[in-house]
Amino acid sequence: MIDFSTKYLGLDLKGPIVVSSTPLSESLDNIRRMEDAGAAAVVLTSLFEEQLILESKALDEDLARGTESFAESLDFLPKQADYRVTQDVYLEHLRKAKDAVRIPILASLNGATPGGWVRFAKEMEQAGADAIELNTYALATDKNQTSVVLEVQLLELVESVCQEVKVPVSVKLSQSFTSMASLVSRLEQVGARGVALFNRFYQPDFDIEALEVRPSLHFSTSSELLPRLHWAAILYGQVDLDIAITGGVHTAEDVLKSIMAGASMTMMASALHIHGIDHIGRVLADMQYWLERHEYDTLWGTRGGLSRRSVPDVSPFDRGNYIKTLSSYSLRQTVAAF
C-alpha cells in the first residue's frame, strides 16, 4: 500500500488532495463525504471583508472610495440581501465542520484592509480553524499604483495577521506579480508558512447587445496547471515555506506533476463540481496504480523530482524553453511547406 501522507503548514495530512474553497463545503454532509472520499483537508469558502462591511453599513463610504483596490468592484458584489453567509454563520459553520470530521479545516479570508484581516482572522482562530488561508486578489488599475506599493501592502497585511494569530497562515497568490521568487521569500520572512499557486483571475465578459460588463465564471481545466507547475518548480528549494498548487488539478497525472514540481499538496474544486466528490477517490486510486508501477513506496519520495534544482538542464525554466518552443514550431512549419 502506497503511503500518501504529506505535510502542509505543519499539519499532518493523510494525502495530497485538499478541497479548495468551493460552495460544496457549505454543507456538512458534503464535508463528511469529502473526508470519506480521501480528502486530506478542506478549505472553507472565503469570508469577504467587503461582505461584512456592507452588512454592517458602517463603512459604506470608505468602501466606495477604495473600489479600485478591492478584489472585485462593488458592481460585481451581490446585493446585501443576497449574501448567504454572515460572519456569525460562517464561524458557526466552521465550528460544526471541525466537530463533523477529523481532517483539518482551513478558514479562508479575502480581506481588503489591515484591520479587517486581523480582526476576522483572530475570530476564525478562536472558532477552531487549523490554519488560515489569506485569499489575496488585487488589481492595480490606477496608473499611479506601482508594483512596489502593491507588494508592500500585501506584505503588511500578511505580517499583521501572522503577528496576531498562532495558527499557521498561507497566502493564496495571483500570478501577476513581477518577481514571484522575491515576493514569496519576503512572505516567508513576515511569517507566512505557505503559499498557494495561484488564485484564478475571473475576468468579466462584455455583453455587446445589452452594452454591459458582466461577471464570468467557468471551471478550470488541466491546461491551467502549467504556470503553477512552472513556479512551484522554481520556488522549491529556494524557500522553506510549503507550496500548494491550486487551479487546474483534475487528474492523478495533475497531482503527480504538482508533487514532482515541489508542491506539498494540491487543491481541487472545479473537478469536484464536474465529476462529483467521489472523484477524489478515483484520482487517488489512479495515483496508487502509477506509483506501484514505478516502484515507489511513498508519494513523498517523488517530491521535487522535476523541480528546477533537481533537473540537469534548467533552461526549460528560463528563456531556453521560450526560444526552443518557438524555434521548433517555426521549423515544423517550414518543413511542412516543402
Protein backbone atom coordinates (compact mmCIF):
# COMPACT_ATOMS: atom_id res chain seq x y z
CA MET A 1 0.00 0.00 0.00
CA ILE A 2 1.40 3.39 -1.01
CA ASP A 3 1.97 5.91 1.75
CA PHE A 4 0.25 9.11 0.59
CA SER A 5 0.92 11.10 3.76
CA THR A 6 2.31 14.61 3.44
CA LYS A 7 2.71 17.80 5.44
CA TYR A 8 1.40 21.30 4.83
CA LEU A 9 1.72 24.28 7.19
CA GLY A 10 2.93 21.93 9.88
CA LEU A 11 -0.27 19.87 9.60
CA ASP A 12 -0.10 16.12 9.06
CA LEU A 13 -2.19 15.25 6.02
CA LYS A 14 -3.23 11.75 5.06
CA GLY A 15 -2.97 12.53 1.37
CA PRO A 16 -2.09 15.11 -1.27
CA ILE A 17 -5.62 16.26 -2.22
CA VAL A 18 -7.22 19.11 -0.31
CA VAL A 19 -10.61 20.53 -1.23
CA SER A 20 -10.15 24.15 -2.19
CA SER A 21 -12.62 26.90 -1.39
CA THR A 22 -15.93 25.92 -3.00
CA PRO A 23 -19.65 26.26 -2.22
CA LEU A 24 -19.69 22.46 -1.89
CA SER A 25 -18.18 22.83 1.57
CA GLU A 26 -21.15 24.87 2.79
CA SER A 27 -22.82 21.52 3.50
CA LEU A 28 -21.62 19.46 6.46
CA ASP A 29 -22.76 16.30 4.69
CA ASN A 30 -20.53 17.20 1.76
CA ILE A 31 -17.57 17.79 4.07
CA ARG A 32 -18.11 14.33 5.55
CA ARG A 33 -18.26 12.87 2.03
CA MET A 34 -15.03 14.67 1.15
CA GLU A 35 -13.28 13.06 4.11
CA ASP A 36 -14.68 9.63 3.19
CA ALA A 37 -13.55 10.07 -0.42
CA GLY A 38 -9.97 10.72 0.70
CA ALA A 39 -9.68 14.49 1.02
CA ALA A 40 -6.81 15.33 3.38
CA ALA A 41 -8.29 18.69 4.45
CA VAL A 42 -10.98 21.16 3.45
CA VAL A 43 -10.66 24.89 2.85
CA LEU A 44 -13.98 26.56 3.58
CA THR A 45 -15.45 29.21 1.30
CA SER A 46 -13.90 32.65 1.61
CA LEU A 47 -15.24 35.18 4.04
CA PHE A 48 -15.10 38.53 2.24
CA GLU A 49 -14.35 41.61 4.28
CA GLU A 50 -16.40 43.68 1.82
CA GLN A 51 -19.37 41.49 2.62
CA LEU A 52 -19.12 42.20 6.31
CA ILE A 53 -18.67 45.90 5.74
CA LEU A 54 -21.77 46.03 3.58
CA GLU A 55 -23.74 44.12 6.17
CA SER A 56 -22.76 46.48 8.95
CA LYS A 57 -23.31 49.57 6.73
CA ALA A 58 -20.79 51.30 8.97
CA LEU A 59 -18.10 51.85 6.35
CA ASP A 60 -20.01 52.20 3.10
CA GLU A 61 -18.35 55.50 2.26
CA ASP A 62 -14.84 54.13 2.73
CA LEU A 63 -15.75 51.03 0.70
CA ALA A 64 -16.90 53.09 -2.27
CA ARG A 65 -13.83 55.31 -2.10
CA GLY A 66 -11.50 52.31 -2.33
CA THR A 67 -13.31 50.34 -5.01
CA GLU A 68 -10.37 50.19 -7.39
CA SER A 69 -8.22 48.37 -4.84
CA PHE A 70 -10.68 45.62 -3.97
CA ALA A 71 -10.82 42.10 -5.32
CA GLU A 72 -13.87 42.89 -7.40
CA SER A 73 -15.57 46.24 -7.91
CA LEU A 74 -18.72 46.98 -5.95
CA ASP A 75 -20.81 46.45 -9.07
CA PHE A 76 -19.78 42.80 -9.03
CA LEU A 77 -20.61 42.22 -5.35
CA PRO A 78 -24.01 40.63 -4.69
CA LYS A 79 -26.67 42.85 -3.16
CA GLN A 80 -26.69 42.83 0.63
CA ALA A 81 -29.91 40.80 0.75
CA ASP A 82 -28.33 38.12 -1.47
CA TYR A 83 -25.50 37.19 0.89
CA ARG A 84 -25.81 33.65 2.17
CA VAL A 85 -23.04 33.74 4.72
CA THR A 86 -22.73 36.25 7.53
CA GLN A 87 -19.81 36.41 9.92
CA ASP A 88 -21.63 34.59 12.73
CA VAL A 89 -22.98 31.93 10.37
CA TYR A 90 -19.50 31.40 8.91
CA LEU A 91 -17.88 30.94 12.30
CA GLU A 92 -20.64 28.59 13.46
CA HIS A 93 -20.25 26.53 10.30
CA LEU A 94 -16.51 26.38 10.97
CA ARG A 95 -17.14 25.04 14.48
CA LYS A 96 -19.58 22.43 13.22
CA ALA A 97 -17.22 21.34 10.44
CA LYS A 98 -14.46 20.81 12.99
CA ASP A 99 -16.78 18.59 15.03
CA ALA A 100 -18.03 16.69 11.99
CA VAL A 101 -14.69 15.37 10.67
CA ARG A 102 -11.18 14.52 11.81
CA ILE A 103 -9.30 16.08 8.90
CA PRO A 104 -8.02 19.67 9.22
CA ILE A 105 -10.40 22.50 8.39
CA LEU A 106 -8.86 25.68 6.98
CA ALA A 107 -10.67 29.00 7.04
CA SER A 108 -10.36 31.31 4.06
CA LEU A 109 -10.31 35.08 4.36
CA ASN A 110 -10.47 37.56 1.50
CA GLY A 111 -9.78 40.91 3.12
CA ALA A 112 -9.12 44.45 1.98
CA THR A 113 -7.81 46.41 4.96
CA PRO A 114 -5.25 45.55 7.68
CA GLY A 115 -7.79 45.96 10.46
CA GLY A 116 -10.31 43.71 8.77
CA TRP A 117 -7.83 40.94 8.03
CA VAL A 118 -6.58 40.80 11.62
CA ARG A 119 -9.97 41.04 13.30
CA PHE A 120 -11.59 38.27 11.27
CA ALA A 121 -8.50 36.04 11.30
CA LYS A 122 -8.48 36.07 15.09
CA GLU A 123 -12.15 35.12 15.19
CA MET A 124 -11.50 32.25 12.77
CA GLU A 125 -8.69 31.01 15.00
CA GLN A 126 -10.94 31.18 18.05
CA ALA A 127 -13.62 29.22 16.19
CA GLY A 128 -11.15 26.35 15.73
CA ALA A 129 -9.59 26.78 12.29
CA ASP A 130 -6.48 24.59 11.92
CA ALA A 131 -4.98 27.18 9.59
CA ILE A 132 -5.98 30.33 7.75
CA GLU A 133 -5.66 30.91 4.03
CA LEU A 134 -5.41 34.56 3.03
CA ASN A 135 -7.07 34.66 -0.35
CA THR A 136 -5.39 37.66 -1.96
CA TYR A 137 -6.75 39.20 -5.10
CA ALA A 138 -5.80 42.76 -6.01
CA LEU A 139 -5.51 44.51 -9.34
CA ALA A 140 -3.51 47.67 -9.92
CA THR A 141 -5.99 49.61 -12.04
CA ASP A 142 -4.69 53.03 -11.01
CA LYS A 143 -1.72 54.17 -13.11
CA ASN A 144 -0.21 55.77 -10.01
CA GLN A 145 -0.18 52.50 -8.07
CA THR A 146 3.19 50.85 -8.65
CA SER A 147 4.04 47.18 -8.26
CA VAL A 148 6.22 48.10 -5.28
CA VAL A 149 3.29 49.69 -3.47
CA LEU A 150 1.08 46.69 -4.19
CA GLU A 151 3.65 44.24 -2.83
CA VAL A 152 4.31 46.33 0.28
CA GLN A 153 0.59 46.44 1.02
CA LEU A 154 0.36 42.67 0.69
CA LEU A 155 3.38 42.09 2.92
CA GLU A 156 1.99 44.43 5.58
CA LEU A 157 -1.37 42.65 5.54
CA VAL A 158 0.19 39.21 5.85
CA GLU A 159 2.56 40.32 8.60
CA SER A 160 -0.27 41.90 10.58
CA VAL A 161 -2.23 38.64 10.55
CA CYS A 162 0.77 36.41 11.31
CA GLN A 163 1.63 38.52 14.34
CA GLU A 164 -1.85 38.20 15.82
CA VAL A 165 -2.72 34.52 15.31
CA LYS A 166 -0.95 31.36 16.41
CA VAL A 167 -2.32 29.02 13.75
CA PRO A 168 -0.30 28.75 10.52
CA VAL A 169 -1.11 31.20 7.74
CA SER A 170 -0.88 30.56 4.00
CA VAL A 171 -1.22 33.10 1.20
CA LYS A 172 -3.12 32.37 -1.98
CA LEU A 173 -1.38 34.46 -4.61
CA SER A 174 -2.25 35.70 -8.06
CA GLN A 175 0.34 35.10 -10.78
CA SER A 176 0.55 38.77 -11.75
CA PHE A 177 3.45 39.78 -9.53
CA THR A 178 6.63 40.90 -11.25
CA SER A 179 9.18 38.91 -9.23
CA MET A 180 7.45 35.87 -7.78
CA ALA A 181 10.50 34.30 -6.12
CA SER A 182 11.40 37.52 -4.32
CA LEU A 183 7.83 38.10 -3.15
CA VAL A 184 7.42 34.57 -1.81
CA SER A 185 10.73 34.85 0.02
CA ARG A 186 9.56 38.06 1.68
CA LEU A 187 6.22 36.50 2.58
CA GLU A 188 8.17 33.81 4.39
CA GLN A 189 10.14 36.49 6.24
CA VAL A 190 6.97 38.18 7.53
CA GLY A 191 5.59 34.89 8.87
CA ALA A 192 3.68 33.05 6.15
CA ARG A 193 4.02 29.26 6.40
CA GLY A 194 2.88 28.51 2.88
CA VAL A 195 1.71 29.82 -0.48
CA ALA A 196 -0.98 28.53 -2.83
CA LEU A 197 -0.28 28.97 -6.54
CA PHE A 198 -2.43 30.58 -7.94
CA ASN A 199 -5.66 32.44 -7.41
CA ARG A 200 -7.73 32.19 -10.59
CA PHE A 201 -8.35 35.53 -12.29
CA TYR A 202 -12.06 35.80 -13.07
CA GLN A 203 -12.23 38.30 -15.91
CA PRO A 204 -15.51 39.98 -16.78
CA ASP A 205 -17.19 39.39 -20.12
CA PHE A 206 -18.76 42.00 -22.39
CA ASP A 207 -22.40 41.79 -23.47
CA ILE A 208 -22.40 43.78 -26.72
CA GLU A 209 -26.20 43.66 -27.06
CA ALA A 210 -27.03 44.94 -23.59
CA LEU A 211 -23.84 47.02 -23.51
CA GLU A 212 -22.98 45.65 -20.09
CA VAL A 213 -19.90 44.26 -18.40
CA ARG A 214 -20.84 41.10 -16.55
CA PRO A 215 -19.10 38.64 -14.22
CA SER A 216 -17.97 35.44 -15.91
CA LEU A 217 -17.32 32.14 -14.17
CA HIS A 218 -16.00 28.95 -15.72
CA PHE A 219 -14.47 25.82 -14.26
CA SER A 220 -10.76 25.24 -14.58
CA THR A 221 -9.13 22.67 -16.85
CA SER A 222 -5.84 20.81 -16.62
CA SER A 223 -4.38 23.22 -19.19
CA GLU A 224 -4.27 25.88 -16.46
CA LEU A 225 -1.79 23.81 -14.47
CA LEU A 226 1.35 24.74 -16.44
CA PRO A 227 2.19 28.16 -14.91
CA ARG A 228 1.57 26.69 -11.46
CA LEU A 229 3.95 23.81 -12.12
CA HIS A 230 6.49 26.25 -13.51
CA TRP A 231 6.59 28.45 -10.43
CA ALA A 232 6.37 25.63 -7.91
CA ALA A 233 9.38 24.03 -9.58
CA ILE A 234 11.31 27.30 -9.44
CA LEU A 235 10.42 28.06 -5.82
CA TYR A 236 11.11 24.57 -4.50
CA GLY A 237 14.42 24.63 -2.66
CA GLN A 238 14.69 28.42 -2.72
CA VAL A 239 12.22 28.94 0.13
CA ASP A 240 11.38 26.93 3.23
CA LEU A 241 7.65 27.55 3.30
CA ASP A 242 5.22 24.99 1.88
CA ILE A 243 3.86 25.20 -1.64
CA ALA A 244 0.34 24.22 -2.67
CA ILE A 245 -0.92 24.11 -6.23
CA THR A 246 -4.49 25.18 -6.86
CA GLY A 247 -6.25 25.70 -10.18
CA GLY A 248 -6.21 23.09 -12.93
CA VAL A 249 -5.86 20.00 -10.71
CA HIS A 250 -8.22 17.37 -12.15
CA THR A 251 -6.41 14.05 -12.64
CA ALA A 252 -3.89 11.75 -11.00
CA GLU A 253 -1.34 12.99 -13.51
CA ASP A 254 -2.02 16.59 -12.42
CA VAL A 255 -1.43 15.71 -8.78
CA LEU A 256 1.73 13.74 -9.51
CA LYS A 257 3.15 16.54 -11.66
CA SER A 258 2.44 19.03 -8.88
CA ILE A 259 4.23 16.98 -6.23
CA MET A 260 7.17 16.37 -8.57
CA ALA A 261 7.38 20.11 -9.17
CA GLY A 262 7.81 20.61 -5.44
CA ALA A 263 4.31 21.12 -4.04
CA SER A 264 3.44 19.67 -0.66
CA MET A 265 -0.14 19.09 -1.73
CA THR A 266 -2.73 20.04 -4.32
CA MET A 267 -6.14 21.71 -4.10
CA MET A 268 -9.17 20.60 -6.05
CA ALA A 269 -12.51 22.34 -6.62
CA SER A 270 -13.64 22.53 -10.25
CA ALA A 271 -13.05 18.79 -10.74
CA LEU A 272 -15.47 18.05 -7.90
CA HIS A 273 -18.17 20.24 -9.43
CA ILE A 274 -17.71 18.45 -12.76
CA HIS A 275 -17.23 14.84 -11.62
CA GLY A 276 -18.61 14.77 -8.07
CA ILE A 277 -16.97 14.46 -4.66
CA ASP A 278 -16.16 10.76 -5.18
CA HIS A 279 -13.73 11.84 -7.90
CA ILE A 280 -11.13 12.28 -5.15
CA GLY A 281 -11.08 8.53 -4.52
CA ARG A 282 -10.73 7.73 -8.21
CA VAL A 283 -7.77 10.09 -8.54
CA LEU A 284 -6.06 8.54 -5.51
CA ALA A 285 -6.61 5.05 -6.96
CA ASP A 286 -5.05 6.11 -10.26
CA MET A 287 -2.11 7.60 -8.38
CA GLN A 288 -1.58 4.40 -6.43
CA TYR A 289 -1.51 2.41 -9.68
CA TRP A 290 1.11 4.74 -11.19
CA LEU A 291 3.30 4.77 -8.08
CA GLU A 292 3.21 0.98 -7.74
CA ARG A 293 4.01 0.55 -11.43
CA HIS A 294 7.05 2.81 -11.00
CA GLU A 295 8.07 1.07 -7.74
CA TYR A 296 7.56 3.96 -5.33
CA ASP A 297 6.69 3.20 -1.71
CA THR A 298 5.69 6.75 -0.82
CA LEU A 299 4.32 9.73 -2.66
CA TRP A 300 6.77 11.94 -0.73
CA GLY A 301 9.61 10.15 -2.49
CA THR A 302 8.62 11.86 -5.75
CA ARG A 303 8.51 15.40 -4.33
CA GLY A 304 10.69 17.88 -6.15
CA GLY A 305 11.96 15.31 -8.64
CA LEU A 306 11.21 17.62 -11.54
CA SER A 307 11.94 20.90 -9.78
CA ARG A 308 14.42 23.39 -11.15
CA ARG A 309 17.06 22.40 -8.63
CA SER A 310 16.71 18.67 -9.43
CA VAL A 311 16.90 18.56 -13.23
CA PRO A 312 20.27 18.61 -15.04
CA ASP A 313 19.09 21.20 -17.58
CA VAL A 314 17.41 24.26 -16.05
CA SER A 315 16.85 26.02 -19.39
CA PRO A 316 13.18 24.92 -19.60
CA PHE A 317 12.53 27.10 -16.56
CA ASP A 318 14.26 30.13 -18.06
CA ARG A 319 14.41 31.65 -21.57
CA GLY A 320 15.58 28.38 -23.09
CA ASN A 321 12.09 26.90 -23.18
CA TYR A 322 10.69 30.01 -24.87
CA ILE A 323 13.37 30.00 -27.56
CA LYS A 324 13.27 26.25 -28.17
CA THR A 325 9.47 26.11 -28.37
CA LEU A 326 9.16 28.92 -30.92
CA SER A 327 12.13 27.73 -32.94
CA SER A 328 10.85 24.16 -33.18
CA TYR A 329 7.42 25.39 -34.23
CA SER A 330 8.89 27.58 -36.98
CA LEU A 331 10.99 24.67 -38.21
CA ARG A 332 7.96 22.36 -38.43
CA GLN A 333 6.02 24.96 -40.37
CA THR A 334 8.90 25.46 -42.82
CA VAL A 335 9.33 21.72 -43.42
CA ALA A 336 5.59 21.27 -43.95
CA ALA A 337 5.63 24.00 -46.63
CA PHE A 338 8.03 21.91 -48.73
